[in-house]
Amino acid sequence: MIIRDSVPFGERQPEVGVEDLRTGAAAAIGAKYLAPSKISSVGLIGTGKVGRASIICLSTVREFEKVYVYSGRRSNESFAIEMSKILGKDVIATRSAEETVKNADVLVTATYATTPIVKGEWLRKGTHISGMGSDDPLKSELDAETLRRANKIVIDGEKCLTIGEIASAIRGGTISASNIYGKIGELVAGTKRGREGDNEITVFISDGTNLQSAGASLLIYKKVKELGLGVETSSLKKYFFND
């Protein structure tokens, strides 16, 4: 089934698959429970499909005024223009990861980085980070100081302890497994509290789960059927949003 948006967002239509929406939704859920009560600006590092989906999903659960984006790509400016039209908000391309972090109440990282690109010294009090890119042992987006400064570190599963920046920080002795506050499911279920103060620095790390993908696929399928959209096919290998 293919989903096509009837509103043109420019010459190139953005392609976002179900797996990207699933990851974007996870980033938004992390912010829903861990971000400050009032958000002025969002920072996005990584302007690929996951970054795009994360900001779109975030806009459905929290209000914010501006988005600062950076990826080191030449396409940052065009991405900012495109997303500004989609969101109806100011989207600003920055010159560095540092500038993006320092302007963010909520930061989403969605990159393939193998060396940390976010430094804890850049964080201001009250910042929330949804780190979505470190989904294998070689990837790492946040430095150890970021995790050391965090008042709450939340994960989506035990695998997060063995890969990426969390595993690196544990091996280096900056944090231990006991510093992990809990799992995002516990916050959603209400068995643990989310943010408890405006000055808390909070981090949500997600490596993704198949259950998230299945849930996102089912919700999209039901919505498309309800709206009478899409094309039934048995040969399509992926689902696309805004193809």
C-alpha atoms as a PDB file:
ATOM      1  CA  MET A   1       0.000   0.000   0.000  1.00  0.00           C
ATOM      2  CA  ILE A   2       1.371   3.422  -0.987  1.00  0.00           C
ATOM      3  CA  ILE A   3       0.401   6.626   0.787  1.00  0.00           C
ATOM      4  CA  ARG A   4       0.594   9.839  -1.199  1.00  0.00           C
ATOM      5  CA  ASP A   5       0.052  13.274   0.292  1.00  0.00           C
ATOM      6  CA  SER A   6      -2.190  15.500  -1.804  1.00  0.00           C
ATOM      7  CA  VAL A   7      -0.334  18.691  -0.829  1.00  0.00           C
ATOM      8  CA  PRO A   8       2.905  19.367  -2.750  1.00  0.00           C
ATOM      9  CA  PHE A   9       5.860  20.316  -0.577  1.00  0.00           C
ATOM     10  CA  GLY A  10       8.171  21.343  -3.406  1.00  0.00           C
ATOM     11  CA  GLU A  11       9.676  19.812  -6.464  1.00  0.00           C
ATOM     12  CA  ARG A  12      10.973  16.719  -4.623  1.00  0.00           C
ATOM     13  CA  GLN A  13       8.487  14.746  -2.577  1.00  0.00           C
ATOM     14  CA  PRO A  14      10.069  13.441   0.658  1.00  0.00           C
ATOM     15  CA  GLU A  15      10.163   9.669   1.050  1.00  0.00           C
ATOM     16  CA  VAL A  16       9.651   8.347   4.559  1.00  0.00           C
ATOM     17  CA  GLY A  17       9.207   4.651   5.196  1.00  0.00           C
ATOM     18  CA  VAL A  18       7.357   2.941   8.019  1.00  0.00           C
ATOM     19  CA  GLU A  19      10.641   2.140   9.762  1.00  0.00           C
ATOM     20  CA  ASP A  20      11.502   5.861   9.696  1.00  0.00           C
ATOM     21  CA  LEU A  21       8.105   6.814  11.092  1.00  0.00           C
ATOM     22  CA  ARG A  22       8.510   4.193  13.803  1.00  0.00           C
ATOM     23  CA  THR A  23      11.838   5.691  14.820  1.00  0.00           C
ATOM     24  CA  GLY A  24      10.446   9.215  14.569  1.00  0.00           C
ATOM     25  CA  ALA A  25       7.502   8.247  16.746  1.00  0.00           C
ATOM     26  CA  ALA A  26       9.888   6.812  19.349  1.00  0.00           C
ATOM     27  CA  ALA A  27      11.823  10.094  19.409  1.00  0.00           C
ATOM     28  CA  ALA A  28       8.551  11.949  19.922  1.00  0.00           C
ATOM     29  CA  ILE A  29       7.439   9.646  22.738  1.00  0.00           C
ATOM     30  CA  GLY A  30      10.750  10.210  24.495  1.00  0.00           C
ATOM     31  CA  ALA A  31      10.202  13.974  24.267  1.00  0.00           C
ATOM     32  CA  LYS A  32       6.564  13.685  25.324  1.00  0.00           C
ATOM     33  CA  TYR A  33       7.536  12.238  28.697  1.00  0.00           C
ATOM     34  CA  LEU A  34      10.982  13.750  29.251  1.00  0.00           C
ATOM     35  CA  ALA A  35      11.084  17.187  27.604  1.00  0.00           C
ATOM     36  CA  PRO A  36      10.518  20.459  29.508  1.00  0.00           C
ATOM     37  CA  SER A  37       6.927  21.561  30.019  1.00  0.00           C
ATOM     38  CA  LYS A  38       7.484  24.460  27.613  1.00  0.00           C
ATOM     39  CA  ILE A  39       9.551  24.074  24.441  1.00  0.00           C
ATOM     40  CA  SER A  40      10.651  27.063  22.413  1.00  0.00           C
ATOM     41  CA  SER A  41      13.108  25.453  20.030  1.00  0.00           C
ATOM     42  CA  VAL A  42      14.040  22.003  18.755  1.00  0.00           C
ATOM     43  CA  GLY A  43      17.447  20.963  17.456  1.00  0.00           C
ATOM     44  CA  LEU A  44      17.892  18.254  14.834  1.00  0.00           C
ATOM     45  CA  ILE A  45      21.253  16.725  13.941  1.00  0.00           C
ATOM     46  CA  GLY A  46      20.831  14.482  10.924  1.00  0.00           C
ATOM     47  CA  THR A  47      18.611  15.571   8.040  1.00  0.00           C
ATOM     48  CA  GLY A  48      17.845  12.197   6.498  1.00  0.00           C
ATOM     49  CA  LYS A  49      14.559  10.312   6.501  1.00  0.00           C
ATOM     50  CA  VAL A  50      14.693   9.493  10.224  1.00  0.00           C
ATOM     51  CA  GLY A  51      15.396  13.118  11.123  1.00  0.00           C
ATOM     52  CA  ARG A  52      12.523  14.266   8.931  1.00  0.00           C
ATOM     53  CA  ALA A  53      10.137  11.724  10.448  1.00  0.00           C
ATOM     54  CA  SER A  54      11.244  12.582  13.997  1.00  0.00           C
ATOM     55  CA  ILE A  55      10.439  16.280  13.634  1.00  0.00           C
ATOM     56  CA  ILE A  56       7.100  15.560  11.954  1.00  0.00           C
ATOM     57  CA  CYS A  57       6.142  13.145  14.745  1.00  0.00           C
ATOM     58  CA  LEU A  58       7.398  15.500  17.455  1.00  0.00           C
ATOM     59  CA  SER A  59       5.167  18.259  16.105  1.00  0.00           C
ATOM     60  CA  THR A  60       2.112  16.082  16.790  1.00  0.00           C
ATOM     61  CA  VAL A  61       2.810  15.671  20.526  1.00  0.00           C
ATOM     62  CA  ARG A  62       4.526  18.898  21.594  1.00  0.00           C
ATOM     63  CA  GLU A  63       4.277  22.572  20.662  1.00  0.00           C
ATOM     64  CA  PHE A  64       7.426  24.449  19.648  1.00  0.00           C
ATOM     65  CA  GLU A  65       8.311  27.567  17.674  1.00  0.00           C
ATOM     66  CA  LYS A  66      11.597  26.952  15.868  1.00  0.00           C
ATOM     67  CA  VAL A  67      13.767  24.125  14.606  1.00  0.00           C
ATOM     68  CA  TYR A  68      17.558  24.338  14.185  1.00  0.00           C
ATOM     69  CA  VAL A  69      18.978  21.718  11.815  1.00  0.00           C
ATOM     70  CA  TYR A  70      22.477  20.505  11.001  1.00  0.00           C
ATOM     71  CA  SER A  71      24.027  17.511   9.289  1.00  0.00           C
ATOM     72  CA  GLY A  72      27.130  18.817   7.556  1.00  0.00           C
ATOM     73  CA  ARG A  73      25.446  18.290   4.207  1.00  0.00           C
ATOM     74  CA  ARG A  74      25.163  20.883   1.501  1.00  0.00           C
ATOM     75  CA  SER A  75      21.418  20.165   1.431  1.00  0.00           C
ATOM     76  CA  ASN A  76      20.824  21.650   4.902  1.00  0.00           C
ATOM     77  CA  GLU A  77      19.358  24.841   3.461  1.00  0.00           C
ATOM     78  CA  SER A  78      16.942  23.043   1.133  1.00  0.00           C
ATOM     79  CA  PHE A  79      15.928  20.706   3.968  1.00  0.00           C
ATOM     80  CA  ALA A  80      15.198  23.719   6.175  1.00  0.00           C
ATOM     81  CA  ILE A  81      13.040  25.346   3.477  1.00  0.00           C
ATOM     82  CA  GLU A  82      11.142  22.122   2.829  1.00  0.00           C
ATOM     83  CA  MET A  83      10.513  21.369   6.502  1.00  0.00           C
ATOM     84  CA  SER A  84       9.434  24.941   7.158  1.00  0.00           C
ATOM     85  CA  LYS A  85       6.635  24.435   4.616  1.00  0.00           C
ATOM     86  CA  ILE A  86       5.669  21.078   6.110  1.00  0.00           C
ATOM     87  CA  LEU A  87       5.641  22.235   9.732  1.00  0.00           C
ATOM     88  CA  GLY A  88       4.528  25.843   9.248  1.00  0.00           C
ATOM     89  CA  LYS A  89       7.370  26.913  11.566  1.00  0.00           C
ATOM     90  CA  ASP A  90      10.752  28.609  11.297  1.00  0.00           C
ATOM     91  CA  VAL A  91      13.363  25.993  10.389  1.00  0.00           C
ATOM     92  CA  ILE A  92      16.927  27.310  10.462  1.00  0.00           C
ATOM     93  CA  ALA A  93      20.012  25.636   8.990  1.00  0.00           C
ATOM     94  CA  THR A  94      22.978  26.080  11.345  1.00  0.00           C
ATOM     95  CA  ARG A  95      26.701  25.966  10.685  1.00  0.00           C
ATOM     96  CA  SER A  96      27.640  23.409  13.338  1.00  0.00           C
ATOM     97  CA  ALA A  97      26.415  20.730  15.696  1.00  0.00           C
ATOM     98  CA  GLU A  98      27.428  22.991  18.578  1.00  0.00           C
ATOM     99  CA  GLU A  99      25.193  25.823  17.395  1.00  0.00           C
ATOM    100  CA  THR A 100      22.291  23.412  17.034  1.00  0.00           C
ATOM    101  CA  VAL A 101      22.751  21.918  20.509  1.00  0.00           C
ATOM    102  CA  LYS A 102      23.119  25.274  22.233  1.00  0.00           C
ATOM    103  CA  ASN A 103      19.826  26.504  20.726  1.00  0.00           C
ATOM    104  CA  ALA A 104      17.785  23.399  21.582  1.00  0.00           C
ATOM    105  CA  ASP A 105      15.315  22.756  24.381  1.00  0.00           C
ATOM    106  CA  VAL A 106      14.794  19.360  22.751  1.00  0.00           C
ATOM    107  CA  LEU A 107      17.511  17.747  20.640  1.00  0.00           C
ATOM    108  CA  VAL A 108      16.995  14.839  18.250  1.00  0.00           C
ATOM    109  CA  THR A 109      20.039  13.050  16.860  1.00  0.00           C
ATOM    110  CA  ALA A 110      19.514  10.807  13.839  1.00  0.00           C
ATOM    111  CA  THR A 111      22.888  10.116  12.251  1.00  0.00           C
ATOM    112  CA  TYR A 112      25.278   7.328  11.292  1.00  0.00           C
ATOM    113  CA  ALA A 113      28.035   8.822  13.456  1.00  0.00           C
ATOM    114  CA  THR A 114      30.711   6.501  14.821  1.00  0.00           C
ATOM    115  CA  THR A 115      32.379   9.293  16.781  1.00  0.00           C
ATOM    116  CA  PRO A 116      30.304  11.396  19.236  1.00  0.00           C
ATOM    117  CA  ILE A 117      29.036  14.629  17.704  1.00  0.00           C
ATOM    118  CA  VAL A 118      27.238  16.026  20.774  1.00  0.00           C
ATOM    119  CA  LYS A 119      29.334  17.274  23.673  1.00  0.00           C
ATOM    120  CA  GLY A 120      27.952  17.470  27.178  1.00  0.00           C
ATOM    121  CA  GLU A 121      29.606  20.831  27.752  1.00  0.00           C
ATOM    122  CA  TRP A 122      27.245  22.352  25.154  1.00  0.00           C
ATOM    123  CA  LEU A 123      24.069  21.327  26.983  1.00  0.00           C
ATOM    124  CA  ARG A 124      22.095  23.884  28.921  1.00  0.00           C
ATOM    125  CA  LYS A 125      20.040  22.915  31.941  1.00  0.00           C
ATOM    126  CA  GLY A 126      16.649  21.482  31.078  1.00  0.00           C
ATOM    127  CA  THR A 127      17.620  20.015  27.708  1.00  0.00           C
ATOM    128  CA  HIS A 128      16.090  16.745  26.565  1.00  0.00           C
ATOM    129  CA  ILE A 129      17.825  14.525  23.983  1.00  0.00           C
ATOM    130  CA  SER A 130      16.208  11.769  21.939  1.00  0.00           C
ATOM    131  CA  GLY A 131      19.176   9.844  20.540  1.00  0.00           C
ATOM    132  CA  MET A 132      18.000   7.661  17.658  1.00  0.00           C
ATOM    133  CA  GLY A 133      21.114   6.839  15.650  1.00  0.00           C
ATOM    134  CA  SER A 134      23.218   4.481  17.773  1.00  0.00           C
ATOM    135  CA  ASP A 135      21.654   1.177  16.811  1.00  0.00           C
ATOM    136  CA  ASP A 136      24.785  -0.948  16.432  1.00  0.00           C
ATOM    137  CA  PRO A 137      28.104  -1.396  18.286  1.00  0.00           C
ATOM    138  CA  LEU A 138      30.076   0.937  16.002  1.00  0.00           C
ATOM    139  CA  LYS A 139      27.759   3.948  16.237  1.00  0.00           C
ATOM    140  CA  SER A 140      27.910   6.727  18.828  1.00  0.00           C
ATOM    141  CA  GLU A 141      26.325  10.192  18.803  1.00  0.00           C
ATOM    142  CA  LEU A 142      26.642  11.485  22.393  1.00  0.00           C
ATOM    143  CA  ASP A 143      29.880  11.830  24.329  1.00  0.00           C
ATOM    144  CA  ALA A 144      30.409  10.435  27.823  1.00  0.00           C
ATOM    145  CA  GLU A 145      30.040  13.891  29.396  1.00  0.00           C
ATOM    146  CA  THR A 146      26.513  14.131  28.002  1.00  0.00           C
ATOM    147  CA  LEU A 147      25.553  10.938  29.802  1.00  0.00           C
ATOM    148  CA  ARG A 148      27.422  11.953  32.963  1.00  0.00           C
ATOM    149  CA  ARG A 149      25.454  15.201  33.145  1.00  0.00           C
ATOM    150  CA  ALA A 150      22.099  13.540  32.509  1.00  0.00           C
ATOM    151  CA  ASN A 151      19.737  13.423  35.470  1.00  0.00           C
ATOM    152  CA  LYS A 152      17.718  10.682  33.782  1.00  0.00           C
ATOM    153  CA  ILE A 153      18.850   8.203  31.120  1.00  0.00           C
ATOM    154  CA  VAL A 154      15.988   6.188  29.638  1.00  0.00           C
ATOM    155  CA  ILE A 155      16.310   3.321  27.159  1.00  0.00           C
ATOM    156  CA  ASP A 156      13.859   1.263  25.121  1.00  0.00           C
ATOM    157  CA  GLY A 157      15.522  -2.105  25.777  1.00  0.00           C
ATOM    158  CA  GLU A 158      18.474  -3.906  27.353  1.00  0.00           C
ATOM    159  CA  LYS A 159      20.347  -3.940  24.032  1.00  0.00           C
ATOM    160  CA  CYS A 160      21.076  -0.226  24.542  1.00  0.00           C
ATOM    161  CA  LEU A 161      23.457  -1.202  27.360  1.00  0.00           C
ATOM    162  CA  THR A 162      25.670  -3.182  24.990  1.00  0.00           C
ATOM    163  CA  ILE A 163      25.981  -0.828  21.992  1.00  0.00           C
ATOM    164  CA  GLY A 164      26.687   2.788  21.134  1.00  0.00           C
ATOM    165  CA  GLU A 165      27.400   5.585  23.565  1.00  0.00           C
ATOM    166  CA  ILE A 166      25.956   3.886  26.634  1.00  0.00           C
ATOM    167  CA  ALA A 167      28.202   0.842  26.270  1.00  0.00           C
ATOM    168  CA  SER A 168      31.182   3.114  25.639  1.00  0.00           C
ATOM    169  CA  ALA A 169      30.458   5.235  28.720  1.00  0.00           C
ATOM    170  CA  ILE A 170      30.030   2.126  30.877  1.00  0.00           C
ATOM    171  CA  ARG A 171      33.310   0.643  29.623  1.00  0.00           C
ATOM    172  CA  GLY A 172      35.061   3.941  30.331  1.00  0.00           C
ATOM    173  CA  GLY A 173      33.661   4.117  33.856  1.00  0.00           C
ATOM    174  CA  THR A 174      31.782   7.398  33.316  1.00  0.00           C
ATOM    175  CA  ILE A 175      28.461   5.742  34.164  1.00  0.00           C
ATOM    176  CA  SER A 176      27.299   2.296  35.213  1.00  0.00           C
ATOM    177  CA  ALA A 177      24.203   0.270  34.439  1.00  0.00           C
ATOM    178  CA  SER A 178      22.766   1.557  37.730  1.00  0.00           C
ATOM    179  CA  ASN A 179      22.658   5.062  36.209  1.00  0.00           C
ATOM    180  CA  ILE A 180      19.963   3.956  33.776  1.00  0.00           C
ATOM    181  CA  TYR A 181      16.727   5.370  35.168  1.00  0.00           C
ATOM    182  CA  GLY A 182      14.425   2.979  33.382  1.00  0.00           C
ATOM    183  CA  LYS A 183      12.762   1.956  30.133  1.00  0.00           C
ATOM    184  CA  ILE A 184      10.461   4.165  28.090  1.00  0.00           C
ATOM    185  CA  GLY A 185       7.660   1.624  28.527  1.00  0.00           C
ATOM    186  CA  GLU A 186       7.724   2.230  32.275  1.00  0.00           C
ATOM    187  CA  LEU A 187       7.190   5.957  31.711  1.00  0.00           C
ATOM    188  CA  VAL A 188       4.356   5.357  29.266  1.00  0.00           C
ATOM    189  CA  ALA A 189       2.724   2.884  31.666  1.00  0.00           C
ATOM    190  CA  GLY A 190       3.076   5.326  34.559  1.00  0.00           C
ATOM    191  CA  THR A 191       5.116   3.005  36.760  1.00  0.00           C
ATOM    192  CA  LYS A 192       7.971   5.529  36.704  1.00  0.00           C
ATOM    193  CA  ARG A 193       7.829   9.299  36.507  1.00  0.00           C
ATOM    194  CA  GLY A 194       9.139  11.190  33.510  1.00  0.00           C
ATOM    195  CA  ARG A 195      10.591  14.667  33.862  1.00  0.00           C
ATOM    196  CA  GLU A 196      10.328  15.990  37.415  1.00  0.00           C
ATOM    197  CA  GLY A 197      11.948  19.412  37.110  1.00  0.00           C
ATOM    198  CA  ASP A 198      12.578  22.070  34.482  1.00  0.00           C
ATOM    199  CA  ASN A 199      16.347  21.961  35.064  1.00  0.00           C
ATOM    200  CA  GLU A 200      16.764  18.226  34.554  1.00  0.00           C
ATOM    201  CA  ILE A 201      18.877  17.057  31.631  1.00  0.00           C
ATOM    202  CA  THR A 202      17.195  13.973  30.213  1.00  0.00           C
ATOM    203  CA  VAL A 203      18.321  11.474  27.596  1.00  0.00           C
ATOM    204  CA  PHE A 204      16.305   8.830  25.775  1.00  0.00           C
ATOM    205  CA  ILE A 205      18.312   6.294  23.764  1.00  0.00           C
ATOM    206  CA  SER A 206      16.495   4.023  21.322  1.00  0.00           C
ATOM    207  CA  ASP A 207      17.930   1.250  19.174  1.00  0.00           C
ATOM    208  CA  GLY A 208      14.508   0.291  17.805  1.00  0.00           C
ATOM    209  CA  THR A 209      12.414  -2.839  18.229  1.00  0.00           C
ATOM    210  CA  ASN A 210      10.382  -4.966  15.835  1.00  0.00           C
ATOM    211  CA  LEU A 211       7.325  -4.393  17.992  1.00  0.00           C
ATOM    212  CA  GLN A 212       7.537  -0.655  17.270  1.00  0.00           C
ATOM    213  CA  SER A 213       7.671  -1.344  13.522  1.00  0.00           C
ATOM    214  CA  ALA A 214       4.689  -3.683  13.657  1.00  0.00           C
ATOM    215  CA  GLY A 215       2.664  -1.192  15.682  1.00  0.00           C
ATOM    216  CA  ALA A 216       3.421   1.705  13.331  1.00  0.00           C
ATOM    217  CA  SER A 217       2.601  -0.425  10.287  1.00  0.00           C
ATOM    218  CA  LEU A 218      -0.746  -1.470  11.708  1.00  0.00           C
ATOM    219  CA  LEU A 219      -1.759   2.093  12.626  1.00  0.00           C
ATOM    220  CA  ILE A 220      -0.843   3.389   9.173  1.00  0.00           C
ATOM    221  CA  TYR A 221      -2.680   0.524   7.465  1.00  0.00           C
ATOM    222  CA  LYS A 222      -5.844   1.145   9.467  1.00  0.00           C
ATOM    223  CA  LYS A 223      -5.751   4.890   8.770  1.00  0.00           C
ATOM    224  CA  VAL A 224      -5.221   4.391   5.050  1.00  0.00           C
ATOM    225  CA  LYS A 225      -8.118   1.928   4.882  1.00  0.00           C
ATOM    226  CA  GLU A 226     -10.308   4.345   6.818  1.00  0.00           C
ATOM    227  CA  LEU A 227      -9.526   7.157   4.359  1.00  0.00           C
ATOM    228  CA  GLY A 228      -9.955   4.946   1.309  1.00  0.00           C
ATOM    229  CA  LEU A 229      -6.397   5.650   0.142  1.00  0.00           C
ATOM    230  CA  GLY A 230      -3.525   3.503  -1.022  1.00  0.00           C
ATOM    231  CA  VAL A 231      -3.031   0.753  -3.560  1.00  0.00           C
ATOM    232  CA  GLU A 232      -3.326  -2.890  -2.536  1.00  0.00           C
ATOM    233  CA  THR A 233      -0.384  -4.970  -3.764  1.00  0.00           C
ATOM    234  CA  SER A 234       1.344  -8.190  -2.833  1.00  0.00           C
ATOM    235  CA  SER A 235       4.709  -7.295  -4.346  1.00  0.00           C
ATOM    236  CA  LEU A 236       5.605  -3.987  -2.669  1.00  0.00           C
ATOM    237  CA  LYS A 237       8.483  -4.541  -0.253  1.00  0.00           C
ATOM    238  CA  LYS A 238       8.212  -1.255   1.630  1.00  0.00           C
ATOM    239  CA  TYR A 239       5.546   1.199   2.732  1.00  0.00           C
ATOM    240  CA  PHE A 240       6.119   4.861   1.895  1.00  0.00           C
ATOM    241  CA  PHE A 241       4.727   8.085   3.272  1.00  0.00           C
ATOM    242  CA  ASN A 242       4.840  11.063   0.884  1.00  0.00           C
ATOM    243  CA  ASP A 243       6.435   8.915  -1.842  1.00  0.00           C
END
